[in-house]
Amino acid sequence: MLIGPCLLIVVASICWSFGSWKTPSLDLPADPFVVAVYEMAFGSVFLVLGGS
């Protein structure tokens, strides 16, 4: 059995739930497009680091 993909799904779910829990208490920019740019930029950095 492949443990890696199962572990990846569990960790991704934990990260998603932590972000959903923490987001209301963060001081985010008023412009939602700026928030989307931050999400995409940090997401792409983590994907590049994880893929190498």
Protein backbone atom coordinates (compact mmCIF):
# COMPACT_ATOMS: atom_id res chain seq x y z
CA MET A 1 0.00 0.00 0.00
CA LEU A 2 1.19 3.49 -0.80
CA ILE A 3 1.45 5.57 2.37
CA GLY A 4 2.84 8.70 0.67
CA PRO A 5 -0.32 9.77 -1.21
CA CYS A 6 -2.51 9.07 1.82
CA LEU A 7 -0.21 11.09 4.06
CA LEU A 8 -0.20 13.94 1.53
CA ILE A 9 -4.00 14.10 1.57
CA VAL A 10 -4.11 14.13 5.38
CA VAL A 11 -1.47 16.88 5.64
CA ALA A 12 -3.23 18.94 2.95
CA SER A 13 -6.51 18.66 4.85
CA ILE A 14 -4.85 19.77 8.07
CA CYS A 15 -3.24 22.77 6.33
CA TRP A 16 -6.54 23.74 4.71
CA SER A 17 -8.44 23.56 8.00
CA PHE A 18 -5.75 25.56 9.82
CA GLY A 19 -5.94 28.27 7.16
CA SER A 20 -9.73 28.36 7.37
CA TRP A 21 -9.55 28.65 11.16
CA LYS A 22 -6.82 31.32 11.24
CA THR A 23 -7.93 33.57 8.33
CA PRO A 24 -10.65 35.56 10.20
CA SER A 25 -8.15 36.74 12.82
CA LEU A 26 -5.50 37.94 10.32
CA ASP A 27 -5.08 41.53 9.19
CA LEU A 28 -5.53 41.08 5.44
CA PRO A 29 -5.46 43.81 2.77
CA ALA A 30 -8.84 45.30 1.92
CA ASP A 31 -8.48 44.46 -1.78
CA PRO A 32 -9.39 40.78 -2.37
CA PHE A 33 -7.26 40.70 -5.53
CA VAL A 34 -4.15 41.46 -3.48
CA VAL A 35 -4.98 38.56 -1.17
CA ALA A 36 -5.41 36.28 -4.20
CA VAL A 37 -2.01 37.37 -5.56
CA TYR A 38 -0.38 36.56 -2.20
CA GLU A 39 -2.04 33.13 -2.16
CA MET A 40 -0.93 32.31 -5.69
CA ALA A 41 2.61 33.59 -5.13
CA PHE A 42 3.19 31.65 -1.92
CA GLY A 43 1.46 28.58 -3.34
CA SER A 44 3.71 28.57 -6.40
CA VAL A 45 6.83 28.97 -4.24
CA PHE A 46 5.85 25.98 -2.12
CA LEU A 47 5.04 23.92 -5.23
CA VAL A 48 8.44 24.72 -6.74
CA LEU A 49 10.20 23.84 -3.48
CA GLY A 50 8.19 20.65 -3.11
CA GLY A 51 8.78 19.62 -6.70
CA SER A 52 12.54 19.95 -6.57
